[in-house]
Amino acid sequence: MAKKILVIDDEEGIQNLLRNMLSSKGYEVDIAGDGEQGLEMALSNPYDLILLDLNLPKLDGQSICTELKFDPNKKDVPIIMLTGRSDIKEKAIGEEVGANEYISKPFEIKALFDVINGYLQ
């Protein structure tokens, strides 16, 4: 059975890139374009991994990550934060709210896939 990944990102280009890349590797991919939709999807569906943008409309990635990591049914789902900001402060926020990984945009596709694969194998 295919592993399910939720991509929460408001950039259409990133959504398409990740959907195409992950689907071609056999993963089932759902996309949420804002934070509220992403949190709702994450809470109501079983996902094996979540790719989460930090800066989102309606609800930021930090809030989503915190809520999921405090939910007993979702706390073990790996969350990989993707963000356009690469400063130390942003990385510290990602670690503070329980993100498993923190990857800056632009990212190298192969490197991201290797990280994803590491969690889903």
PDB file of N, CA and C in Angstrom:
ATOM      1  N   MET A   1       0.845  -1.182   0.000  1.00  0.00           N
ATOM      2  CA  MET A   1       0.000   0.000   0.000  1.00  0.00           C
ATOM      3  C   MET A   1       0.893   1.250   0.000  1.00  0.00           C
ATOM      4  N   ALA A   2       0.525   2.206  -0.809  1.00  0.00           N
ATOM      5  CA  ALA A   2       1.326   3.430  -0.948  1.00  0.00           C
ATOM      6  C   ALA A   2       1.288   4.261   0.332  1.00  0.00           C
ATOM      7  N   LYS A   3       2.424   4.832   0.664  1.00  0.00           N
ATOM      8  CA  LYS A   3       2.519   5.739   1.810  1.00  0.00           C
ATOM      9  C   LYS A   3       1.862   7.063   1.418  1.00  0.00           C
ATOM     10  N   LYS A   4       1.180   7.685   2.397  1.00  0.00           N
ATOM     11  CA  LYS A   4       0.467   8.941   2.138  1.00  0.00           C
ATOM     12  C   LYS A   4       1.235  10.122   2.709  1.00  0.00           C
ATOM     13  N   ILE A   5       1.404  11.143   1.868  1.00  0.00           N
ATOM     14  CA  ILE A   5       2.099  12.360   2.265  1.00  0.00           C
ATOM     15  C   ILE A   5       1.165  13.546   2.069  1.00  0.00           C
ATOM     16  N   LEU A   6       1.122  14.422   3.069  1.00  0.00           N
ATOM     17  CA  LEU A   6       0.371  15.663   2.963  1.00  0.00           C
ATOM     18  C   LEU A   6       1.355  16.807   2.751  1.00  0.00           C
ATOM     19  N   VAL A   7       1.137  17.578   1.693  1.00  0.00           N
ATOM     20  CA  VAL A   7       1.945  18.760   1.416  1.00  0.00           C
ATOM     21  C   VAL A   7       1.093  19.975   1.767  1.00  0.00           C
ATOM     22  N   ILE A   8       1.577  20.792   2.720  1.00  0.00           N
ATOM     23  CA  ILE A   8       0.868  22.021   3.101  1.00  0.00           C
ATOM     24  C   ILE A   8       1.763  23.180   2.676  1.00  0.00           C
ATOM     25  N   ASP A   9       1.404  23.792   1.549  1.00  0.00           N
ATOM     26  CA  ASP A   9       2.209  24.879   0.983  1.00  0.00           C
ATOM     27  C   ASP A   9       1.304  25.729   0.112  1.00  0.00           C
ATOM     28  N   ASP A  10       1.465  27.055   0.184  1.00  0.00           N
ATOM     29  CA  ASP A  10       0.593  27.939  -0.588  1.00  0.00           C
ATOM     30  C   ASP A  10       1.165  28.291  -1.960  1.00  0.00           C
ATOM     31  N   GLU A  11       2.377  27.863  -2.268  1.00  0.00           N
ATOM     32  CA  GLU A  11       2.979  28.160  -3.569  1.00  0.00           C
ATOM     33  C   GLU A  11       2.630  27.055  -4.566  1.00  0.00           C
ATOM     34  N   GLU A  12       1.902  27.428  -5.614  1.00  0.00           N
ATOM     35  CA  GLU A  12       1.465  26.451  -6.589  1.00  0.00           C
ATOM     36  C   GLU A  12       2.624  25.706  -7.251  1.00  0.00           C
ATOM     37  N   GLY A  13       3.710  26.420  -7.531  1.00  0.00           N
ATOM     38  CA  GLY A  13       4.871  25.782  -8.145  1.00  0.00           C
ATOM     39  C   GLY A  13       5.456  24.687  -7.271  1.00  0.00           C
ATOM     40  N   ILE A  14       5.535  24.946  -5.971  1.00  0.00           N
ATOM     41  CA  ILE A  14       6.049  23.949  -5.017  1.00  0.00           C
ATOM     42  C   ILE A  14       5.072  22.783  -4.914  1.00  0.00           C
ATOM     43  N   GLN A  15       3.781  23.094  -4.866  1.00  0.00           N
ATOM     44  CA  GLN A  15       2.766  22.033  -4.799  1.00  0.00           C
ATOM     45  C   GLN A  15       2.915  21.075  -5.977  1.00  0.00           C
ATOM     46  N   ASN A  16       2.993  21.638  -7.186  1.00  0.00           N
ATOM     47  CA  ASN A  16       3.099  20.806  -8.387  1.00  0.00           C
ATOM     48  C   ASN A  16       4.394  20.017  -8.420  1.00  0.00           C
ATOM     49  N   LEU A  17       5.494  20.675  -8.063  1.00  0.00           N
ATOM     50  CA  LEU A  17       6.793  20.010  -8.049  1.00  0.00           C
ATOM     51  C   LEU A  17       6.772  18.821  -7.101  1.00  0.00           C
ATOM     52  N   LEU A  18       6.296  19.038  -5.867  1.00  0.00           N
ATOM     53  CA  LEU A  18       6.281  17.963  -4.885  1.00  0.00           C
ATOM     54  C   LEU A  18       5.290  16.865  -5.265  1.00  0.00           C
ATOM     55  N   ARG A  19       4.117  17.247  -5.771  1.00  0.00           N
ATOM     56  CA  ARG A  19       3.141  16.237  -6.186  1.00  0.00           C
ATOM     57  C   ARG A  19       3.735  15.338  -7.275  1.00  0.00           C
ATOM     58  N   ASN A  20       4.333  15.959  -8.287  1.00  0.00           N
ATOM     59  CA  ASN A  20       4.904  15.185  -9.390  1.00  0.00           C
ATOM     60  C   ASN A  20       6.067  14.308  -8.930  1.00  0.00           C
ATOM     61  N   MET A  21       6.957  14.879  -8.131  1.00  0.00           N
ATOM     62  CA  MET A  21       8.130  14.141  -7.661  1.00  0.00           C
ATOM     63  C   MET A  21       7.717  12.947  -6.799  1.00  0.00           C
ATOM     64  N   LEU A  22       6.844  13.187  -5.844  1.00  0.00           N
ATOM     65  CA  LEU A  22       6.463  12.131  -4.910  1.00  0.00           C
ATOM     66  C   LEU A  22       5.574  11.078  -5.570  1.00  0.00           C
ATOM     67  N   SER A  23       4.668  11.507  -6.424  1.00  0.00           N
ATOM     68  CA  SER A  23       3.801  10.553  -7.136  1.00  0.00           C
ATOM     69  C   SER A  23       4.629   9.631  -8.021  1.00  0.00           C
ATOM     70  N   SER A  24       5.658  10.188  -8.664  1.00  0.00           N
ATOM     71  CA  SER A  24       6.501   9.379  -9.547  1.00  0.00           C
ATOM     72  C   SER A  24       7.286   8.324  -8.765  1.00  0.00           C
ATOM     73  N   LYS A  25       7.435   8.529  -7.465  1.00  0.00           N
ATOM     74  CA  LYS A  25       8.137   7.565  -6.608  1.00  0.00           C
ATOM     75  C   LYS A  25       7.166   6.614  -5.907  1.00  0.00           C
ATOM     76  N   GLY A  26       5.882   6.713  -6.258  1.00  0.00           N
ATOM     77  CA  GLY A  26       4.901   5.772  -5.726  1.00  0.00           C
ATOM     78  C   GLY A  26       4.165   6.224  -4.477  1.00  0.00           C
ATOM     79  N   TYR A  27       4.375   7.465  -4.056  1.00  0.00           N
ATOM     80  CA  TYR A  27       3.670   7.961  -2.878  1.00  0.00           C
ATOM     81  C   TYR A  27       2.320   8.543  -3.277  1.00  0.00           C
ATOM     82  N   GLU A  28       1.354   8.451  -2.371  1.00  0.00           N
ATOM     83  CA  GLU A  28       0.054   9.084  -2.560  1.00  0.00           C
ATOM     84  C   GLU A  28       0.174  10.477  -1.943  1.00  0.00           C
ATOM     85  N   VAL A  29      -0.212  11.515  -2.685  1.00  0.00           N
ATOM     86  CA  VAL A  29       0.017  12.890  -2.241  1.00  0.00           C
ATOM     87  C   VAL A  29      -1.285  13.678  -2.187  1.00  0.00           C
ATOM     88  N   ASP A  30      -1.516  14.338  -1.053  1.00  0.00           N
ATOM     89  CA  ASP A  30      -2.613  15.291  -0.916  1.00  0.00           C
ATOM     90  C   ASP A  30      -1.992  16.667  -0.736  1.00  0.00           C
ATOM     91  N   ILE A  31      -2.690  17.687  -1.219  1.00  0.00           N
ATOM     92  CA  ILE A  31      -2.181  19.058  -1.155  1.00  0.00           C
ATOM     93  C   ILE A  31      -3.174  19.946  -0.411  1.00  0.00           C
ATOM     94  N   ALA A  32      -2.645  20.783   0.479  1.00  0.00           N
ATOM     95  CA  ALA A  32      -3.439  21.822   1.129  1.00  0.00           C
ATOM     96  C   ALA A  32      -2.759  23.150   0.824  1.00  0.00           C
ATOM     97  N   GLY A  33      -3.552  24.152   0.422  1.00  0.00           N
ATOM     98  CA  GLY A  33      -3.000  25.434   0.006  1.00  0.00           C
ATOM     99  C   GLY A  33      -2.942  26.510   1.076  1.00  0.00           C
ATOM    100  N   ASP A  34      -3.485  26.214   2.259  1.00  0.00           N
ATOM    101  CA  ASP A  34      -3.374  27.168   3.366  1.00  0.00           C
ATOM    102  C   ASP A  34      -3.336  26.395   4.682  1.00  0.00           C
ATOM    103  N   GLY A  35      -3.007  27.105   5.748  1.00  0.00           N
ATOM    104  CA  GLY A  35      -2.815  26.457   7.029  1.00  0.00           C
ATOM    105  C   GLY A  35      -4.063  25.832   7.625  1.00  0.00           C
ATOM    106  N   GLU A  36      -5.192  26.520   7.523  1.00  0.00           N
ATOM    107  CA  GLU A  36      -6.434  25.969   8.087  1.00  0.00           C
ATOM    108  C   GLU A  36      -6.815  24.670   7.391  1.00  0.00           C
ATOM    109  N   GLN A  37      -6.776  24.674   6.066  1.00  0.00           N
ATOM    110  CA  GLN A  37      -7.106  23.465   5.298  1.00  0.00           C
ATOM    111  C   GLN A  37      -6.116  22.349   5.630  1.00  0.00           C
ATOM    112  N   GLY A  38      -4.834  22.702   5.731  1.00  0.00           N
ATOM    113  CA  GLY A  38      -3.806  21.710   6.030  1.00  0.00           C
ATOM    114  C   GLY A  38      -4.002  21.054   7.383  1.00  0.00           C
ATOM    115  N   LEU A  39      -4.290  21.852   8.393  1.00  0.00           N
ATOM    116  CA  LEU A  39      -4.500  21.295   9.729  1.00  0.00           C
ATOM    117  C   LEU A  39      -5.728  20.395   9.740  1.00  0.00           C
ATOM    118  N   GLU A  40      -6.797  20.844   9.105  1.00  0.00           N
ATOM    119  CA  GLU A  40      -8.020  20.039   9.038  1.00  0.00           C
ATOM    120  C   GLU A  40      -7.752  18.690   8.361  1.00  0.00           C
ATOM    121  N   MET A  41      -7.027  18.727   7.243  1.00  0.00           N
ATOM    122  CA  MET A  41      -6.700  17.483   6.530  1.00  0.00           C
ATOM    123  C   MET A  41      -5.801  16.590   7.381  1.00  0.00           C
ATOM    124  N   ALA A  42      -4.805  17.180   8.034  1.00  0.00           N
ATOM    125  CA  ALA A  42      -3.872  16.404   8.849  1.00  0.00           C
ATOM    126  C   ALA A  42      -4.576  15.720  10.018  1.00  0.00           C
ATOM    127  N   LEU A  43      -5.555  16.402  10.602  1.00  0.00           N
ATOM    128  CA  LEU A  43      -6.271  15.841  11.745  1.00  0.00           C
ATOM    129  C   LEU A  43      -7.304  14.794  11.351  1.00  0.00           C
ATOM    130  N   SER A  44      -7.843  14.892  10.138  1.00  0.00           N
ATOM    131  CA  SER A  44      -8.937  13.995   9.755  1.00  0.00           C
ATOM    132  C   SER A  44      -8.522  12.840   8.835  1.00  0.00           C
ATOM    133  N   ASN A  45      -7.246  12.769   8.461  1.00  0.00           N
ATOM    134  CA  ASN A  45      -6.774  11.697   7.574  1.00  0.00           C
ATOM    135  C   ASN A  45      -5.490  11.088   8.126  1.00  0.00           C
ATOM    136  N   PRO A  46      -5.268   9.799   7.818  1.00  0.00           N
ATOM    137  CA  PRO A  46      -4.011   9.182   8.246  1.00  0.00           C
ATOM    138  C   PRO A  46      -2.891   9.476   7.235  1.00  0.00           C
ATOM    139  N   TYR A  47      -1.862  10.176   7.669  1.00  0.00           N
ATOM    140  CA  TYR A  47      -0.711  10.457   6.811  1.00  0.00           C
ATOM    141  C   TYR A  47       0.531   9.828   7.411  1.00  0.00           C
ATOM    142  N   ASP A  48       1.427   9.414   6.528  1.00  0.00           N
ATOM    143  CA  ASP A  48       2.688   8.828   6.963  1.00  0.00           C
ATOM    144  C   ASP A  48       3.766   9.897   7.157  1.00  0.00           C
ATOM    145  N   LEU A  49       3.570  11.059   6.520  1.00  0.00           N
ATOM    146  CA  LEU A  49       4.532  12.149   6.609  1.00  0.00           C
ATOM    147  C   LEU A  49       3.863  13.434   6.149  1.00  0.00           C
ATOM    148  N   ILE A  50       4.306  14.570   6.716  1.00  0.00           N
ATOM    149  CA  ILE A  50       3.761  15.875   6.333  1.00  0.00           C
ATOM    150  C   ILE A  50       4.906  16.797   5.941  1.00  0.00           C
ATOM    151  N   LEU A  51       4.776  17.424   4.774  1.00  0.00           N
ATOM    152  CA  LEU A  51       5.696  18.471   4.334  1.00  0.00           C
ATOM    153  C   LEU A  51       4.978  19.781   4.590  1.00  0.00           C
ATOM    154  N   LEU A  52       5.554  20.628   5.418  1.00  0.00           N
ATOM    155  CA  LEU A  52       4.851  21.792   5.945  1.00  0.00           C
ATOM    156  C   LEU A  52       5.643  23.081   5.736  1.00  0.00           C
ATOM    157  N   ASP A  53       5.045  24.018   5.011  1.00  0.00           N
ATOM    158  CA  ASP A  53       5.646  25.341   4.836  1.00  0.00           C
ATOM    159  C   ASP A  53       5.449  26.107   6.143  1.00  0.00           C
ATOM    160  N   LEU A  54       6.421  26.925   6.493  1.00  0.00           N
ATOM    161  CA  LEU A  54       6.327  27.707   7.729  1.00  0.00           C
ATOM    162  C   LEU A  54       5.411  28.915   7.560  1.00  0.00           C
ATOM    163  N   ASN A  55       5.513  29.583   6.417  1.00  0.00           N
ATOM    164  CA  ASN A  55       4.736  30.804   6.173  1.00  0.00           C
ATOM    165  C   ASN A  55       3.534  30.494   5.291  1.00  0.00           C
ATOM    166  N   LEU A  56       2.367  30.459   5.923  1.00  0.00           N
ATOM    167  CA  LEU A  56       1.140  30.091   5.228  1.00  0.00           C
ATOM    168  C   LEU A  56       0.033  31.093   5.528  1.00  0.00           C
ATOM    169  N   PRO A  57      -0.913  31.252   4.583  1.00  0.00           N
ATOM    170  CA  PRO A  57      -2.091  32.070   4.895  1.00  0.00           C
ATOM    171  C   PRO A  57      -3.012  31.333   5.869  1.00  0.00           C
ATOM    172  N   LYS A  58      -3.758  32.077   6.637  1.00  0.00           N
ATOM    173  CA  LYS A  58      -4.800  31.628   7.572  1.00  0.00           C
ATOM    174  C   LYS A  58      -4.267  31.017   8.868  1.00  0.00           C
ATOM    175  N   LEU A  59      -3.226  30.202   8.795  1.00  0.00           N
ATOM    176  CA  LEU A  59      -2.644  29.586   9.991  1.00  0.00           C
ATOM    177  C   LEU A  59      -1.213  29.200   9.654  1.00  0.00           C
ATOM    178  N   ASP A  60      -0.246  29.654  10.456  1.00  0.00           N
ATOM    179  CA  ASP A  60       1.158  29.406  10.104  1.00  0.00           C
ATOM    180  C   ASP A  60       1.605  27.982  10.446  1.00  0.00           C
ATOM    181  N   GLY A  61       2.702  27.578   9.810  1.00  0.00           N
ATOM    182  CA  GLY A  61       3.234  26.233   9.988  1.00  0.00           C
ATOM    183  C   GLY A  61       3.638  25.928  11.412  1.00  0.00           C
ATOM    184  N   GLN A  62       4.112  26.934  12.122  1.00  0.00           N
ATOM    185  CA  GLN A  62       4.510  26.764  13.511  1.00  0.00           C
ATOM    186  C   GLN A  62       3.309  26.312  14.354  1.00  0.00           C
ATOM    187  N   SER A  63       2.166  26.963  14.164  1.00  0.00           N
ATOM    188  CA  SER A  63       0.945  26.608  14.909  1.00  0.00           C
ATOM    189  C   SER A  63       0.464  25.210  14.543  1.00  0.00           C
ATOM    190  N   ILE A  64       0.521  24.881  13.264  1.00  0.00           N
ATOM    191  CA  ILE A  64       0.093  23.550  12.803  1.00  0.00           C
ATOM    192  C   ILE A  64       0.976  22.473  13.425  1.00  0.00           C
ATOM    193  N   CYS A  65       2.277  22.671  13.350  1.00  0.00           N
ATOM    194  CA  CYS A  65       3.224  21.696  13.886  1.00  0.00           C
ATOM    195  C   CYS A  65       2.996  21.490  15.384  1.00  0.00           C
ATOM    196  N   THR A  66       2.835  22.578  16.111  1.00  0.00           N
ATOM    197  CA  THR A  66       2.607  22.495  17.559  1.00  0.00           C
ATOM    198  C   THR A  66       1.346  21.691  17.857  1.00  0.00           C
ATOM    199  N   GLU A  67       0.269  22.006  17.149  1.00  0.00           N
ATOM    200  CA  GLU A  67      -0.997  21.306  17.403  1.00  0.00           C
ATOM    201  C   GLU A  67      -0.884  19.811  17.096  1.00  0.00           C
ATOM    202  N   LEU A  68      -0.230  19.465  15.998  1.00  0.00           N
ATOM    203  CA  LEU A  68      -0.097  18.052  15.629  1.00  0.00           C
ATOM    204  C   LEU A  68       0.801  17.297  16.603  1.00  0.00           C
ATOM    205  N   LYS A  69       1.860  17.931  17.069  1.00  0.00           N
ATOM    206  CA  LYS A  69       2.789  17.248  17.983  1.00  0.00           C
ATOM    207  C   LYS A  69       2.194  17.058  19.376  1.00  0.00           C
ATOM    208  N   PHE A  70       1.137  17.842  19.713  1.00  0.00           N
ATOM    209  CA  PHE A  70       0.457  17.660  21.000  1.00  0.00           C
ATOM    210  C   PHE A  70      -0.760  16.751  20.886  1.00  0.00           C
ATOM    211  N   ASP A  71      -1.103  16.335  19.672  1.00  0.00           N
ATOM    212  CA  ASP A  71      -2.234  15.436  19.464  1.00  0.00           C
ATOM    213  C   ASP A  71      -1.724  13.996  19.613  1.00  0.00           C
ATOM    214  N   PRO A  72      -2.251  13.243  20.577  1.00  0.00           N
ATOM    215  CA  PRO A  72      -1.748  11.885  20.812  1.00  0.00           C
ATOM    216  C   PRO A  72      -1.846  10.969  19.587  1.00  0.00           C
ATOM    217  N   ASN A  73      -2.805  11.229  18.701  1.00  0.00           N
ATOM    218  CA  ASN A  73      -2.965  10.393  17.507  1.00  0.00           C
ATOM    219  C   ASN A  73      -2.060  10.814  16.349  1.00  0.00           C
ATOM    220  N   LYS A  74      -1.493  12.013  16.417  1.00  0.00           N
ATOM    221  CA  LYS A  74      -0.699  12.546  15.292  1.00  0.00           C
ATOM    222  C   LYS A  74       0.759  12.835  15.657  1.00  0.00           C
ATOM    223  N   LYS A  75       1.101  12.766  16.946  1.00  0.00           N
ATOM    224  CA  LYS A  75       2.421  13.209  17.407  1.00  0.00           C
ATOM    225  C   LYS A  75       3.587  12.446  16.788  1.00  0.00           C
ATOM    226  N   ASP A  76       3.352  11.215  16.326  1.00  0.00           N
ATOM    227  CA  ASP A  76       4.445  10.418  15.763  1.00  0.00           C
ATOM    228  C   ASP A  76       4.590  10.559  14.250  1.00  0.00           C
ATOM    229  N   VAL A  77       3.708  11.336  13.616  1.00  0.00           N
ATOM    230  CA  VAL A  77       3.811  11.555  12.171  1.00  0.00           C
ATOM    231  C   VAL A  77       4.986  12.515  11.921  1.00  0.00           C
ATOM    232  N   PRO A  78       5.993  12.090  11.129  1.00  0.00           N
ATOM    233  CA  PRO A  78       7.127  12.985  10.859  1.00  0.00           C
ATOM    234  C   PRO A  78       6.683  14.243  10.113  1.00  0.00           C
ATOM    235  N   ILE A  79       7.200  15.386  10.558  1.00  0.00           N
ATOM    236  CA  ILE A  79       6.906  16.659   9.905  1.00  0.00           C
ATOM    237  C   ILE A  79       8.215  17.261   9.424  1.00  0.00           C
ATOM    238  N   ILE A  80       8.268  17.508   8.127  1.00  0.00           N
ATOM    239  CA  ILE A  80       9.431  18.163   7.529  1.00  0.00           C
ATOM    240  C   ILE A  80       9.004  19.576   7.170  1.00  0.00           C
ATOM    241  N   MET A  81       9.616  20.542   7.828  1.00  0.00           N
ATOM    242  CA  MET A  81       9.295  21.945   7.549  1.00  0.00           C
ATOM    243  C   MET A  81      10.098  22.431   6.355  1.00  0.00           C
ATOM    244  N   LEU A  82       9.387  23.092   5.440  1.00  0.00           N
ATOM    245  CA  LEU A  82      10.017  23.710   4.273  1.00  0.00           C
ATOM    246  C   LEU A  82       9.793  25.207   4.402  1.00  0.00           C
ATOM    247  N   THR A  83      10.843  25.984   4.240  1.00  0.00           N
ATOM    248  CA  THR A  83      10.660  27.425   4.340  1.00  0.00           C
ATOM    249  C   THR A  83      11.640  28.193   3.478  1.00  0.00           C
ATOM    250  N   GLY A  84      11.211  29.363   3.049  1.00  0.00           N
ATOM    251  CA  GLY A  84      12.057  30.246   2.257  1.00  0.00           C
ATOM    252  C   GLY A  84      13.083  30.963   3.117  1.00  0.00           C
ATOM    253  N   ARG A  85      12.886  30.905   4.414  1.00  0.00           N
ATOM    254  CA  ARG A  85      13.833  31.564   5.324  1.00  0.00           C
ATOM    255  C   ARG A  85      14.821  30.534   5.855  1.00  0.00           C
ATOM    256  N   SER A  86      16.080  30.915   5.882  1.00  0.00           N
ATOM    257  CA  SER A  86      17.086  29.946   6.322  1.00  0.00           C
ATOM    258  C   SER A  86      17.856  30.417   7.548  1.00  0.00           C
ATOM    259  N   ASP A  87      17.353  31.444   8.221  1.00  0.00           N
ATOM    260  CA  ASP A  87      18.129  31.937   9.358  1.00  0.00           C
ATOM    261  C   ASP A  87      17.990  31.021  10.579  1.00  0.00           C
ATOM    262  N   ILE A  88      18.911  31.201  11.491  1.00  0.00           N
ATOM    263  CA  ILE A  88      19.003  30.361  12.684  1.00  0.00           C
ATOM    264  C   ILE A  88      17.725  30.437  13.524  1.00  0.00           C
ATOM    265  N   LYS A  89      17.138  31.628  13.618  1.00  0.00           N
ATOM    266  CA  LYS A  89      15.922  31.823  14.410  1.00  0.00           C
ATOM    267  C   LYS A  89      14.788  30.932  13.892  1.00  0.00           C
ATOM    268  N   GLU A  90      14.621  30.903  12.569  1.00  0.00           N
ATOM    269  CA  GLU A  90      13.550  30.083  11.983  1.00  0.00           C
ATOM    270  C   GLU A  90      13.797  28.599  12.237  1.00  0.00           C
ATOM    271  N   LYS A  91      15.035  28.168  12.132  1.00  0.00           N
ATOM    272  CA  LYS A  91      15.368  26.769  12.389  1.00  0.00           C
ATOM    273  C   LYS A  91      15.076  26.425  13.846  1.00  0.00           C
ATOM    274  N   ALA A  92      15.404  27.338  14.750  1.00  0.00           N
ATOM    275  CA  ALA A  92      15.139  27.119  16.176  1.00  0.00           C
ATOM    276  C   ALA A  92      13.641  26.982  16.431  1.00  0.00           C
ATOM    277  N   ILE A  93      12.837  27.779  15.735  1.00  0.00           N
ATOM    278  CA  ILE A  93      11.376  27.682  15.870  1.00  0.00           C
ATOM    279  C   ILE A  93      10.912  26.300  15.420  1.00  0.00           C
ATOM    280  N   GLY A  94      11.433  25.842  14.292  1.00  0.00           N
ATOM    281  CA  GLY A  94      11.074  24.511  13.796  1.00  0.00           C
ATOM    282  C   GLY A  94      11.399  23.421  14.798  1.00  0.00           C
ATOM    283  N   GLU A  95      12.566  23.511  15.414  1.00  0.00           N
ATOM    284  CA  GLU A  95      12.961  22.518  16.414  1.00  0.00           C
ATOM    285  C   GLU A  95      12.099  22.639  17.666  1.00  0.00           C
ATOM    286  N   GLU A  96      11.801  23.863  18.048  1.00  0.00           N
ATOM    287  CA  GLU A  96      11.020  24.135  19.257  1.00  0.00           C
ATOM    288  C   GLU A  96       9.612  23.548  19.172  1.00  0.00           C
ATOM    289  N   VAL A  97       9.003  23.600  18.000  1.00  0.00           N
ATOM    290  CA  VAL A  97       7.631  23.104  17.856  1.00  0.00           C
ATOM    291  C   VAL A  97       7.575  21.627  17.474  1.00  0.00           C
ATOM    292  N   GLY A  98       8.725  20.975  17.386  1.00  0.00           N
ATOM    293  CA  GLY A  98       8.746  19.529  17.196  1.00  0.00           C
ATOM    294  C   GLY A  98       8.908  19.032  15.777  1.00  0.00           C
ATOM    295  N   ALA A  99       9.264  19.903  14.831  1.00  0.00           N
ATOM    296  CA  ALA A  99       9.489  19.427  13.464  1.00  0.00           C
ATOM    297  C   ALA A  99      10.636  18.426  13.460  1.00  0.00           C
ATOM    298  N   ASN A 100      10.499  17.377  12.671  1.00  0.00           N
ATOM    299  CA  ASN A 100      11.551  16.364  12.599  1.00  0.00           C
ATOM    300  C   ASN A 100      12.732  16.834  11.768  1.00  0.00           C
ATOM    301  N   GLU A 101      12.459  17.628  10.744  1.00  0.00           N
ATOM    302  CA  GLU A 101      13.504  18.157   9.859  1.00  0.00           C
ATOM    303  C   GLU A 101      13.116  19.575   9.479  1.00  0.00           C
ATOM    304  N   TYR A 102      14.120  20.323   9.044  1.00  0.00           N
ATOM    305  CA  TYR A 102      13.908  21.709   8.629  1.00  0.00           C
ATOM    306  C   TYR A 102      14.729  21.929   7.366  1.00  0.00           C
ATOM    307  N   ILE A 103      14.062  22.166   6.248  1.00  0.00           N
ATOM    308  CA  ILE A 103      14.744  22.307   4.961  1.00  0.00           C
ATOM    309  C   ILE A 103      14.405  23.654   4.347  1.00  0.00           C
ATOM    310  N   SER A 104      15.443  24.382   3.943  1.00  0.00           N
ATOM    311  CA  SER A 104      15.256  25.707   3.347  1.00  0.00           C
ATOM    312  C   SER A 104      14.987  25.607   1.854  1.00  0.00           C
ATOM    313  N   LYS A 105      14.096  26.489   1.379  1.00  0.00           N
ATOM    314  CA  LYS A 105      13.856  26.629  -0.058  1.00  0.00           C
ATOM    315  C   LYS A 105      14.874  27.635  -0.590  1.00  0.00           C
ATOM    316  N   PRO A 106      15.365  27.522  -1.787  1.00  0.00           N
ATOM    317  CA  PRO A 106      15.122  26.385  -2.681  1.00  0.00           C
ATOM    318  C   PRO A 106      15.872  25.156  -2.173  1.00  0.00           C
ATOM    319  N   PHE A 107      15.273  24.013  -2.350  1.00  0.00           N
ATOM    320  CA  PHE A 107      15.895  22.776  -1.886  1.00  0.00           C
ATOM    321  C   PHE A 107      16.282  21.929  -3.094  1.00  0.00           C
ATOM    322  N   GLU A 108      17.218  21.040  -2.863  1.00  0.00           N
ATOM    323  CA  GLU A 108      17.633  20.106  -3.902  1.00  0.00           C
ATOM    324  C   GLU A 108      16.669  18.922  -3.839  1.00  0.00           C
ATOM    325  N   ILE A 109      16.055  18.601  -4.974  1.00  0.00           N
ATOM    326  CA  ILE A 109      15.044  17.538  -5.025  1.00  0.00           C
ATOM    327  C   ILE A 109      15.569  16.221  -4.452  1.00  0.00           C
ATOM    328  N   LYS A 110      16.744  15.806  -4.885  1.00  0.00           N
ATOM    329  CA  LYS A 110      17.283  14.522  -4.436  1.00  0.00           C
ATOM    330  C   LYS A 110      17.504  14.523  -2.929  1.00  0.00           C
ATOM    331  N   ALA A 111      18.012  15.624  -2.386  1.00  0.00           N
ATOM    332  CA  ALA A 111      18.257  15.709  -0.942  1.00  0.00           C
ATOM    333  C   ALA A 111      16.934  15.610  -0.177  1.00  0.00           C
ATOM    334  N   LEU A 112      15.902  16.307  -0.652  1.00  0.00           N
ATOM    335  CA  LEU A 112      14.594  16.246  -0.001  1.00  0.00           C
ATOM    336  C   LEU A 112      14.032  14.831  -0.085  1.00  0.00           C
ATOM    337  N   PHE A 113      14.136  14.208  -1.245  1.00  0.00           N
ATOM    338  CA  PHE A 113      13.624  12.858  -1.414  1.00  0.00           C
ATOM    339  C   PHE A 113      14.359  11.884  -0.487  1.00  0.00           C
ATOM    340  N   ASP A 114      15.666  12.065  -0.335  1.00  0.00           N
ATOM    341  CA  ASP A 114      16.434  11.195   0.556  1.00  0.00           C
ATOM    342  C   ASP A 114      15.946  11.318   1.998  1.00  0.00           C
ATOM    343  N   VAL A 115      15.641  12.544   2.426  1.00  0.00           N
ATOM    344  CA  VAL A 115      15.125  12.757   3.784  1.00  0.00           C
ATOM    345  C   VAL A 115      13.755  12.094   3.937  1.00  0.00           C
ATOM    346  N   ILE A 116      12.874  12.307   2.971  1.00  0.00           N
ATOM    347  CA  ILE A 116      11.531  11.711   2.991  1.00  0.00           C
ATOM    348  C   ILE A 116      11.650  10.188   3.043  1.00  0.00           C
ATOM    349  N   ASN A 117      12.461   9.652   2.154  1.00  0.00           N
ATOM    350  CA  ASN A 117      12.671   8.210   2.074  1.00  0.00           C
ATOM    351  C   ASN A 117      13.176   7.635   3.403  1.00  0.00           C
ATOM    352  N   GLY A 118      14.048   8.406   4.066  1.00  0.00           N
ATOM    353  CA  GLY A 118      14.587   7.969   5.349  1.00  0.00           C
ATOM    354  C   GLY A 118      13.503   7.756   6.396  1.00  0.00           C
ATOM    355  N   TYR A 119      12.465   8.566   6.342  1.00  0.00           N
ATOM    356  CA  TYR A 119      11.366   8.430   7.301  1.00  0.00           C
ATOM    357  C   TYR A 119      10.353   7.369   6.890  1.00  0.00           C
ATOM    358  N   LEU A 120      10.225   7.105   5.612  1.00  0.00           N
ATOM    359  CA  LEU A 120       9.153   6.231   5.137  1.00  0.00           C
ATOM    360  C   LEU A 120       9.599   4.818   4.764  1.00  0.00           C
ATOM    361  N   GLN A 121      10.859   4.523   4.869  1.00  0.00           N
ATOM    362  CA  GLN A 121      11.340   3.180   4.537  1.00  0.00           C
ATOM    363  C   GLN A 121      11.250   2.252   5.721  1.00  0.00           C
TER     364      GLN A 121
END
